[in-house]
C-alpha atoms as a PDB file:
ATOM      1  CA  MET A   1      -0.014  -0.022   0.027  1.00  0.00           C
ATOM      2  CA  VAL A   2       2.921   2.374   0.696  1.00  0.00           C
ATOM      3  CA  GLU A   3       4.215   1.726  -2.885  1.00  0.00           C
ATOM      4  CA  LEU A   4       0.783   2.348  -4.245  1.00  0.00           C
ATOM      5  CA  ASN A   5       0.401   5.598  -2.310  1.00  0.00           C
ATOM      6  CA  PHE A   6       3.702   6.809  -3.660  1.00  0.00           C
ATOM      7  CA  ASP A   7       2.892   5.610  -7.177  1.00  0.00           C
ATOM      8  CA  LYS A   8       5.861   3.277  -7.301  1.00  0.00           C
ATOM      9  CA  ARG A   9       3.740   0.247  -8.437  1.00  0.00           C
ATOM     10  CA  ARG A  10       0.502  -0.219 -10.219  1.00  0.00           C
ATOM     11  CA  PRO A  11      -0.332  -3.896 -10.189  1.00  0.00           C
ATOM     12  CA  PRO A  12      -3.043  -4.964 -12.632  1.00  0.00           C
ATOM     13  CA  ALA A  13      -5.153  -6.424  -9.829  1.00  0.00           C
ATOM     14  CA  LEU A  14      -5.408  -6.545  -6.089  1.00  0.00           C
ATOM     15  CA  LEU A  15      -6.867  -9.563  -4.169  1.00  0.00           C
ATOM     16  CA  ASP A  16      -8.788  -9.101  -0.860  1.00  0.00           C
ATOM     17  CA  LEU A  17      -8.057 -12.252   1.170  1.00  0.00           C
ATOM     18  CA  THR A  18      -9.955 -11.296   4.341  1.00  0.00           C
ATOM     19  CA  ARG A  19     -12.754 -13.680   3.600  1.00  0.00           C
ATOM     20  CA  VAL A  20     -10.460 -16.708   3.195  1.00  0.00           C
ATOM     21  CA  ALA A  21     -11.350 -18.172   6.535  1.00  0.00           C
ATOM     22  CA  PRO A  22      -8.334 -20.484   7.157  1.00  0.00           C
ATOM     23  CA  LEU A  23      -6.008 -17.513   6.903  1.00  0.00           C
ATOM     24  CA  ALA A  24      -7.618 -15.987   9.942  1.00  0.00           C
ATOM     25  CA  ASP A  25      -7.464 -19.082  12.175  1.00  0.00           C
ATOM     26  CA  TRP A  26      -4.906 -20.089  14.775  1.00  0.00           C
ATOM     27  CA  GLY A  27      -4.344 -23.159  16.926  1.00  0.00           C
ATOM     28  CA  SER A  28      -1.988 -25.999  17.978  1.00  0.00           C
ATOM     29  CA  ASP A  29       0.121 -27.804  15.546  1.00  0.00           C
ATOM     30  CA  GLY A  30       1.993 -30.418  17.472  1.00  0.00           C
ATOM     31  CA  ASP A  31       4.118 -28.595  20.046  1.00  0.00           C
ATOM     32  CA  MET A  32       3.835 -25.333  18.059  1.00  0.00           C
ATOM     33  CA  LEU A  33       1.197 -22.766  17.365  1.00  0.00           C
ATOM     34  CA  ARG A  34       0.197 -22.258  13.849  1.00  0.00           C
ATOM     35  CA  VAL A  35      -1.114 -18.750  13.179  1.00  0.00           C
ATOM     36  CA  GLY A  36      -2.776 -17.839   9.996  1.00  0.00           C
ATOM     37  CA  ALA A  37      -1.295 -15.080   7.943  1.00  0.00           C
ATOM     38  CA  GLY A  38      -4.596 -13.116   8.126  1.00  0.00           C
ATOM     39  CA  VAL A  39      -4.619 -12.993  11.927  1.00  0.00           C
ATOM     40  CA  SER A  40      -4.476  -9.252  12.844  1.00  0.00           C
ATOM     41  CA  TYR A  41      -1.988  -7.572  15.186  1.00  0.00           C
ATOM     42  CA  ARG A  42      -4.919  -6.743  17.463  1.00  0.00           C
ATOM     43  CA  ARG A  43      -5.898 -10.375  17.710  1.00  0.00           C
ATOM     44  CA  ILE A  44      -2.319 -11.379  18.518  1.00  0.00           C
ATOM     45  CA  ILE A  45      -2.204  -8.831  21.362  1.00  0.00           C
ATOM     46  CA  GLU A  46      -5.606  -9.842  22.766  1.00  0.00           C
ATOM     47  CA  GLU A  47      -5.652 -13.598  22.119  1.00  0.00           C
ATOM     48  CA  MET A  48      -2.005 -14.635  22.167  1.00  0.00           C
ATOM     49  CA  GLY A  49      -0.333 -12.155  24.534  1.00  0.00           C
ATOM     50  CA  ALA A  50       0.088 -14.858  27.208  1.00  0.00           C
ATOM     51  CA  VAL A  51       1.678 -17.504  24.953  1.00  0.00           C
ATOM     52  CA  LEU A  52       3.602 -15.310  22.450  1.00  0.00           C
ATOM     53  CA  PRO A  53       4.441 -12.295  24.652  1.00  0.00           C
ATOM     54  CA  GLY A  54       7.375 -11.113  22.459  1.00  0.00           C
ATOM     55  CA  LEU A  55       5.315 -10.947  19.328  1.00  0.00           C
ATOM     56  CA  ALA A  56       2.477  -9.360  21.297  1.00  0.00           C
ATOM     57  CA  MET A  57       4.846  -6.667  22.508  1.00  0.00           C
ATOM     58  CA  ALA A  58       6.086  -5.975  18.988  1.00  0.00           C
ATOM     59  CA  SER A  59       2.439  -5.936  17.707  1.00  0.00           C
ATOM     60  CA  ARG A  60       1.586  -3.138  20.226  1.00  0.00           C
ATOM     61  CA  THR A  61       4.144  -0.876  18.551  1.00  0.00           C
ATOM     62  CA  VAL A  62       2.711  -1.213  15.068  1.00  0.00           C
ATOM     63  CA  GLY A  63       1.057   1.858  13.679  1.00  0.00           C
ATOM     64  CA  SER A  64      -2.347   3.047  15.001  1.00  0.00           C
ATOM     65  CA  PRO A  65      -5.284   1.058  16.344  1.00  0.00           C
ATOM     66  CA  GLN A  66      -6.778   1.150  12.856  1.00  0.00           C
ATOM     67  CA  ILE A  67      -3.605  -0.278  11.362  1.00  0.00           C
ATOM     68  CA  ARG A  68      -3.396  -3.009  14.049  1.00  0.00           C
ATOM     69  CA  ASN A  69      -7.057  -3.985  13.340  1.00  0.00           C
ATOM     70  CA  ARG A  70      -6.199  -4.603   9.668  1.00  0.00           C
ATOM     71  CA  GLY A  71      -2.448  -5.296   9.490  1.00  0.00           C
ATOM     72  CA  THR A  72      -1.016  -8.800   9.929  1.00  0.00           C
ATOM     73  CA  VAL A  73       2.248 -10.539  10.582  1.00  0.00           C
ATOM     74  CA  GLY A  74       1.715 -12.248   7.253  1.00  0.00           C
ATOM     75  CA  GLY A  75       1.710  -8.814   5.635  1.00  0.00           C
ATOM     76  CA  ASN A  76       4.926  -7.874   7.540  1.00  0.00           C
ATOM     77  CA  LEU A  77       6.594 -11.039   6.312  1.00  0.00           C
ATOM     78  CA  GLY A  78       5.443 -10.357   2.787  1.00  0.00           C
ATOM     79  CA  SER A  79       7.012  -6.932   2.720  1.00  0.00           C
ATOM     80  CA  ALA A  80      10.219  -8.468   4.014  1.00  0.00           C
ATOM     81  CA  SER A  81      11.369  -5.115   5.273  1.00  0.00           C
ATOM     82  CA  PRO A  82      14.529  -4.985   7.532  1.00  0.00           C
ATOM     83  CA  ALA A  83      12.511  -2.715   9.879  1.00  0.00           C
ATOM     84  CA  GLY A  84       9.475  -4.991  10.166  1.00  0.00           C
ATOM     85  CA  ASP A  85       8.462  -5.021  13.846  1.00  0.00           C
ATOM     86  CA  ALA A  86       7.305  -8.666  13.785  1.00  0.00           C
ATOM     87  CA  HIS A  87      10.484 -10.049  12.333  1.00  0.00           C
ATOM     88  CA  PRO A  88      12.817  -9.945  15.408  1.00  0.00           C
ATOM     89  CA  PRO A  89      10.338 -11.775  17.685  1.00  0.00           C
ATOM     90  CA  LEU A  90       9.906 -14.448  14.927  1.00  0.00           C
ATOM     91  CA  LEU A  91      13.642 -14.878  14.657  1.00  0.00           C
ATOM     92  CA  ALA A  92      14.099 -15.062  18.434  1.00  0.00           C
ATOM     93  CA  ALA A  93      11.385 -17.730  18.670  1.00  0.00           C
ATOM     94  CA  ASP A  94      12.806 -19.719  15.742  1.00  0.00           C
ATOM     95  CA  ALA A  95       9.579 -19.523  13.907  1.00  0.00           C
ATOM     96  CA  VAL A  96       8.734 -21.267  10.636  1.00  0.00           C
ATOM     97  CA  VAL A  97       6.963 -19.584   7.706  1.00  0.00           C
ATOM     98  CA  GLU A  98       4.335 -21.690   5.780  1.00  0.00           C
ATOM     99  CA  VAL A  99       3.874 -20.778   2.159  1.00  0.00           C
ATOM    100  CA  ALA A 100       1.369 -22.205  -0.374  1.00  0.00           C
ATOM    101  CA  SER A 101       0.671 -22.345  -4.041  1.00  0.00           C
ATOM    102  CA  LEU A 102      -1.078 -24.497  -6.576  1.00  0.00           C
ATOM    103  CA  ARG A 103       1.977 -26.742  -6.274  1.00  0.00           C
ATOM    104  CA  GLY A 104       1.435 -27.392  -2.583  1.00  0.00           C
ATOM    105  CA  PHE A 105       2.807 -26.237   0.784  1.00  0.00           C
ATOM    106  CA  ARG A 106       6.271 -25.793   2.095  1.00  0.00           C
ATOM    107  CA  ARG A 107       7.679 -24.583   5.389  1.00  0.00           C
ATOM    108  CA  VAL A 108      10.746 -22.283   5.494  1.00  0.00           C
ATOM    109  CA  PRO A 109      12.652 -21.490   8.698  1.00  0.00           C
ATOM    110  CA  VAL A 110      12.272 -17.695   9.336  1.00  0.00           C
ATOM    111  CA  GLY A 111      16.060 -17.375   9.318  1.00  0.00           C
ATOM    112  CA  GLU A 112      16.155 -18.516   5.726  1.00  0.00           C
ATOM    113  CA  PHE A 113      13.063 -16.499   4.582  1.00  0.00           C
ATOM    114  CA  PHE A 114      14.666 -13.094   4.032  1.00  0.00           C
ATOM    115  CA  THR A 115      17.096 -12.836   1.174  1.00  0.00           C
ATOM    116  CA  GLY A 116      17.670  -9.059   0.893  1.00  0.00           C
ATOM    117  CA  PRO A 117      16.057  -5.692   1.569  1.00  0.00           C
ATOM    118  CA  LYS A 118      12.379  -6.262   0.998  1.00  0.00           C
ATOM    119  CA  ARG A 119      13.163  -9.553  -0.771  1.00  0.00           C
ATOM    120  CA  SER A 120      12.305 -13.151   0.365  1.00  0.00           C
ATOM    121  CA  VAL A 121      12.302 -16.673  -0.873  1.00  0.00           C
ATOM    122  CA  LEU A 122       8.647 -16.409  -1.977  1.00  0.00           C
ATOM    123  CA  ALA A 123       8.063 -17.591  -5.536  1.00  0.00           C
ATOM    124  CA  PRO A 124       5.831 -15.379  -7.759  1.00  0.00           C
ATOM    125  CA  ASP A 125       2.947 -17.856  -7.349  1.00  0.00           C
ATOM    126  CA  GLU A 126       3.303 -18.403  -3.583  1.00  0.00           C
ATOM    127  CA  LEU A 127       1.219 -16.962  -0.704  1.00  0.00           C
ATOM    128  CA  ILE A 128       2.105 -16.806   2.899  1.00  0.00           C
ATOM    129  CA  ALA A 129      -0.441 -19.001   4.606  1.00  0.00           C
ATOM    130  CA  ALA A 130       0.763 -18.969   8.261  1.00  0.00           C
ATOM    131  CA  PHE A 131       3.741 -18.978  10.555  1.00  0.00           C
ATOM    132  CA  LEU A 132       4.511 -21.498  13.262  1.00  0.00           C
ATOM    133  CA  VAL A 133       6.157 -20.740  16.551  1.00  0.00           C
ATOM    134  CA  ARG A 134       6.836 -22.690  19.752  1.00  0.00           C
ATOM    135  CA  PRO A 135       5.342 -21.010  22.805  1.00  0.00           C
ATOM    136  CA  GLY A 136       6.962 -20.872  26.227  1.00  0.00           C
ATOM    137  CA  GLY A 137       9.841 -19.358  28.132  1.00  0.00           C
ATOM    138  CA  ALA A 138      10.466 -15.685  28.597  1.00  0.00           C
ATOM    139  CA  GLN A 139      10.133 -13.331  25.637  1.00  0.00           C
ATOM    140  CA  GLN A 140      10.927  -9.613  25.322  1.00  0.00           C
ATOM    141  CA  PHE A 141      10.876  -6.968  22.572  1.00  0.00           C
ATOM    142  CA  ALA A 142      12.172  -3.422  22.541  1.00  0.00           C
ATOM    143  CA  LYS A 143      12.277  -0.777  19.837  1.00  0.00           C
ATOM    144  CA  ILE A 144      13.972   2.603  19.390  1.00  0.00           C
ATOM    145  CA  GLY A 145      12.054   5.251  17.577  1.00  0.00           C
ATOM    146  CA  THR A 146      10.836   8.880  17.880  1.00  0.00           C
ATOM    147  CA  ARG A 147       7.581   7.545  19.294  1.00  0.00           C
ATOM    148  CA  ASN A 148       6.365   4.321  20.774  1.00  0.00           C
ATOM    149  CA  ALA A 149       4.231   3.461  17.753  1.00  0.00           C
ATOM    150  CA  MET A 150       3.330   4.792  14.327  1.00  0.00           C
ATOM    151  CA  VAL A 151       7.014   5.052  13.489  1.00  0.00           C
ATOM    152  CA  ILE A 152       9.591   2.950  11.668  1.00  0.00           C
ATOM    153  CA  ALA A 153      12.162   1.535  14.062  1.00  0.00           C
ATOM    154  CA  VAL A 154      15.593   3.054  14.220  1.00  0.00           C
ATOM    155  CA  CYS A 155      16.492  -0.351  15.513  1.00  0.00           C
ATOM    156  CA  SER A 156      14.794  -3.120  17.440  1.00  0.00           C
ATOM    157  CA  PHE A 157      15.683  -6.248  19.358  1.00  0.00           C
ATOM    158  CA  ALA A 158      13.884  -9.372  20.536  1.00  0.00           C
ATOM    159  CA  LEU A 159      14.939 -11.971  23.002  1.00  0.00           C
ATOM    160  CA  SER A 160      13.665 -15.412  23.943  1.00  0.00           C
ATOM    161  CA  LEU A 161      14.911 -17.582  26.874  1.00  0.00           C
ATOM    162  CA  ASP A 162      13.885 -21.193  26.964  1.00  0.00           C
ATOM    163  CA  PRO A 163      14.758 -22.707  30.390  1.00  0.00           C
ATOM    164  CA  VAL A 164      13.759 -26.160  29.485  1.00  0.00           C
ATOM    165  CA  ARG A 165      16.079 -26.470  26.426  1.00  0.00           C
ATOM    166  CA  ARG A 166      18.400 -23.843  27.908  1.00  0.00           C
ATOM    167  CA  THR A 167      18.631 -21.915  24.693  1.00  0.00           C
ATOM    168  CA  VAL A 168      18.644 -18.263  23.806  1.00  0.00           C
ATOM    169  CA  GLY A 169      17.012 -16.761  20.773  1.00  0.00           C
ATOM    170  CA  THR A 170      17.720 -13.315  19.338  1.00  0.00           C
ATOM    171  CA  GLY A 171      16.389 -11.073  16.579  1.00  0.00           C
ATOM    172  CA  ILE A 172      17.582  -7.692  15.300  1.00  0.00           C
ATOM    173  CA  GLY A 173      15.564  -5.308  13.228  1.00  0.00           C
ATOM    174  CA  SER A 174      16.427  -2.247  11.219  1.00  0.00           C
ATOM    175  CA  ALA A 175      20.214  -2.676  11.643  1.00  0.00           C
ATOM    176  CA  ALA A 176      21.197  -4.821   8.632  1.00  0.00           C
ATOM    177  CA  PRO A 177      19.956  -5.464   5.030  1.00  0.00           C
ATOM    178  CA  THR A 178      17.653  -8.116   6.467  1.00  0.00           C
ATOM    179  CA  PRO A 179      16.380  -8.922   9.856  1.00  0.00           C
ATOM    180  CA  VAL A 180      19.231 -10.996  11.571  1.00  0.00           C
ATOM    181  CA  ARG A 181      20.087 -13.011  14.591  1.00  0.00           C
ATOM    182  CA  ALA A 182      22.939 -12.428  16.956  1.00  0.00           C
ATOM    183  CA  GLY A 183      24.224 -16.026  16.999  1.00  0.00           C
ATOM    184  CA  ALA A 184      27.425 -15.543  18.887  1.00  0.00           C
ATOM    185  CA  ALA A 185      25.631 -13.483  21.515  1.00  0.00           C
ATOM    186  CA  ALA A 186      22.964 -16.294  21.948  1.00  0.00           C
ATOM    187  CA  ASP A 187      25.561 -18.984  22.210  1.00  0.00           C
ATOM    188  CA  PHE A 188      27.560 -16.985  24.800  1.00  0.00           C
ATOM    189  CA  LEU A 189      24.525 -16.167  26.932  1.00  0.00           C
ATOM    190  CA  ALA A 190      23.201 -19.764  26.776  1.00  0.00           C
ATOM    191  CA  ALA A 191      26.492 -20.859  28.237  1.00  0.00           C
ATOM    192  CA  GLU A 192      26.753 -18.278  30.933  1.00  0.00           C
ATOM    193  CA  LEU A 193      23.288 -17.931  32.367  1.00  0.00           C
ATOM    194  CA  PRO A 194      22.746 -19.650  35.772  1.00  0.00           C
ATOM    195  CA  TRP A 195      19.843 -21.706  34.532  1.00  0.00           C
ATOM    196  CA  GLU A 196      19.939 -24.138  37.477  1.00  0.00           C
ATOM    197  CA  SER A 197      20.028 -21.709  40.443  1.00  0.00           C
ATOM    198  CA  ARG A 198      18.166 -18.796  38.635  1.00  0.00           C
ATOM    199  CA  GLY A 199      20.575 -16.506  40.510  1.00  0.00           C
ATOM    200  CA  PRO A 200      21.165 -12.924  39.691  1.00  0.00           C
ATOM    201  CA  LEU A 201      22.685 -11.899  36.357  1.00  0.00           C
ATOM    202  CA  GLU A 202      26.366 -10.839  36.470  1.00  0.00           C
ATOM    203  CA  GLU A 203      26.933  -7.390  35.051  1.00  0.00           C
ATOM    204  CA  THR A 204      29.940  -8.601  33.053  1.00  0.00           C
ATOM    205  CA  VAL A 205      27.756 -11.189  31.319  1.00  0.00           C
ATOM    206  CA  ALA A 206      25.090  -8.631  30.393  1.00  0.00           C
ATOM    207  CA  ALA A 207      27.737  -6.244  29.153  1.00  0.00           C
ATOM    208  CA  GLU A 208      29.316  -8.858  26.941  1.00  0.00           C
ATOM    209  CA  PHE A 209      25.976  -9.967  25.685  1.00  0.00           C
ATOM    210  CA  GLY A 210      25.227  -6.376  24.704  1.00  0.00           C
ATOM    211  CA  ARG A 211      28.540  -5.975  22.995  1.00  0.00           C
ATOM    212  CA  LEU A 212      28.065  -9.210  20.923  1.00  0.00           C
ATOM    213  CA  VAL A 213      24.520  -8.150  19.959  1.00  0.00           C
ATOM    214  CA  ALA A 214      25.860  -4.803  18.633  1.00  0.00           C
ATOM    215  CA  GLY A 215      28.614  -6.612  16.827  1.00  0.00           C
ATOM    216  CA  ALA A 216      26.079  -8.839  14.986  1.00  0.00           C
ATOM    217  CA  ALA A 217      24.490  -5.783  13.253  1.00  0.00           C
ATOM    218  CA  SER A 218      25.577  -4.170  10.052  1.00  0.00           C
ATOM    219  CA  PRO A 219      23.715  -0.818  10.133  1.00  0.00           C
ATOM    220  CA  ILE A 220      24.024   2.223   7.884  1.00  0.00           C
ATOM    221  CA  ASP A 221      23.724   5.918   8.428  1.00  0.00           C
ATOM    222  CA  ASP A 222      20.332   7.210   7.244  1.00  0.00           C
ATOM    223  CA  VAL A 223      17.751   9.892   8.168  1.00  0.00           C
ATOM    224  CA  ARG A 224      16.650   7.936  11.176  1.00  0.00           C
ATOM    225  CA  GLY A 225      19.993   7.467  12.825  1.00  0.00           C
ATOM    226  CA  THR A 226      23.655   6.792  12.393  1.00  0.00           C
ATOM    227  CA  ALA A 227      25.286   3.293  12.318  1.00  0.00           C
ATOM    228  CA  ALA A 228      27.184   4.077  15.488  1.00  0.00           C
ATOM    229  CA  TYR A 229      23.990   5.082  17.318  1.00  0.00           C
ATOM    230  CA  ARG A 230      22.186   1.877  16.155  1.00  0.00           C
ATOM    231  CA  ARG A 231      24.979  -0.235  17.520  1.00  0.00           C
ATOM    232  CA  HIS A 232      24.918   1.504  20.814  1.00  0.00           C
ATOM    233  CA  ALA A 233      21.236   1.375  21.050  1.00  0.00           C
ATOM    234  CA  LEU A 234      21.221  -2.369  20.279  1.00  0.00           C
ATOM    235  CA  SER A 235      23.696  -2.951  23.082  1.00  0.00           C
ATOM    236  CA  VAL A 236      21.441  -1.042  25.494  1.00  0.00           C
ATOM    237  CA  LEU A 237      18.310  -2.910  24.289  1.00  0.00           C
ATOM    238  CA  ALA A 238      20.020  -6.250  24.630  1.00  0.00           C
ATOM    239  CA  ARG A 239      20.992  -5.615  28.246  1.00  0.00           C
ATOM    240  CA  ARG A 240      17.593  -4.281  29.138  1.00  0.00           C
ATOM    241  CA  THR A 241      15.588  -7.101  27.530  1.00  0.00           C
ATOM    242  CA  LEU A 242      17.921  -9.585  29.132  1.00  0.00           C
ATOM    243  CA  ALA A 243      17.187  -8.184  32.564  1.00  0.00           C
ATOM    244  CA  TRP A 244      13.409  -8.146  31.972  1.00  0.00           C
ATOM    245  CA  ALA A 245      13.365 -11.653  30.521  1.00  0.00           C
ATOM    246  CA  TRP A 246      15.448 -13.168  33.266  1.00  0.00           C
ATOM    247  CA  LYS A 247      13.253 -11.518  35.899  1.00  0.00           C
ATOM    248  CA  GLY A 248      10.120 -12.919  34.178  1.00  0.00           C
ATOM    249  CA  LEU A 249      11.418 -16.366  33.530  1.00  0.00           C
ATOM    250  CA  PRO A 250       8.828 -18.952  34.604  1.00  0.00           C
END
C-alpha cells in the first residue's frame, strides 16, 4: 500500500483475502502454534499475549489502532522489510513460515526466509499461509524510535529464553539489510546464564551480551540514525531485555 500511495507500483489487480477463513485461524500444530497469515495484530495482542508475549509486545508498537485492526504478521513477512516489527520476535522464537501455491505447501525457517532488503524466498505464485512458533519461556521486545508506535524503528531487538532447552533466541531489526540473529551473543549467553540456580545476572555477562549483539548488526547511516547510534542502542536494548526476560522467567 505504501508503494501504491507513492505511485511506485501499479499492479493490474489486487486480491482481498480477508474472507479466506483459514488464513484467520490459529491453533495448535504439534508442540507449536500455527497462526494464519490473516490474523491481525490486534488479535495477536488480545488472544496470544500470554503465549507469544514477544510478538504481542512488537504488535503493540505497530502503527495506530486502525492499522493494528487490519495489519497482519503475514503482511509484515510479505514486505520483508528489514525494519518489520514482527521479524525480530519471529527470529528469536525460531519460527517457521508456511507458504502455499497450486503446487502445494512448504515450510521455511524464518532465518532463511529473508534474502535481501524487501526480498524473500517467496516464488511469484506463492502466498504466505501461516507462521508456526513454539510458545513458552520468557520473551521480550524493545524498539527505538521517535515515538512508541506509528514510526519505523531506528532499531529493534527481541529476546527469547527457553529454560527447558536452555537456549537463547535473538532477533535484530532495522540494523542490517535483512532482519538478523545475533548468533554468537545467543551462544555466549546460553553458556553463561545460571539456569539451574536462577541466580542474579552478572553485570559482566550482560555487558558482553550487549557487545556481541551490537557486533552482529551491520547498520548504515540514514535519516533515522547513524550506524554508530544503532550499534549503541542495540547494546542497551540487549541488556535491558535480558534483565526483563530473566526476571520474568517462569
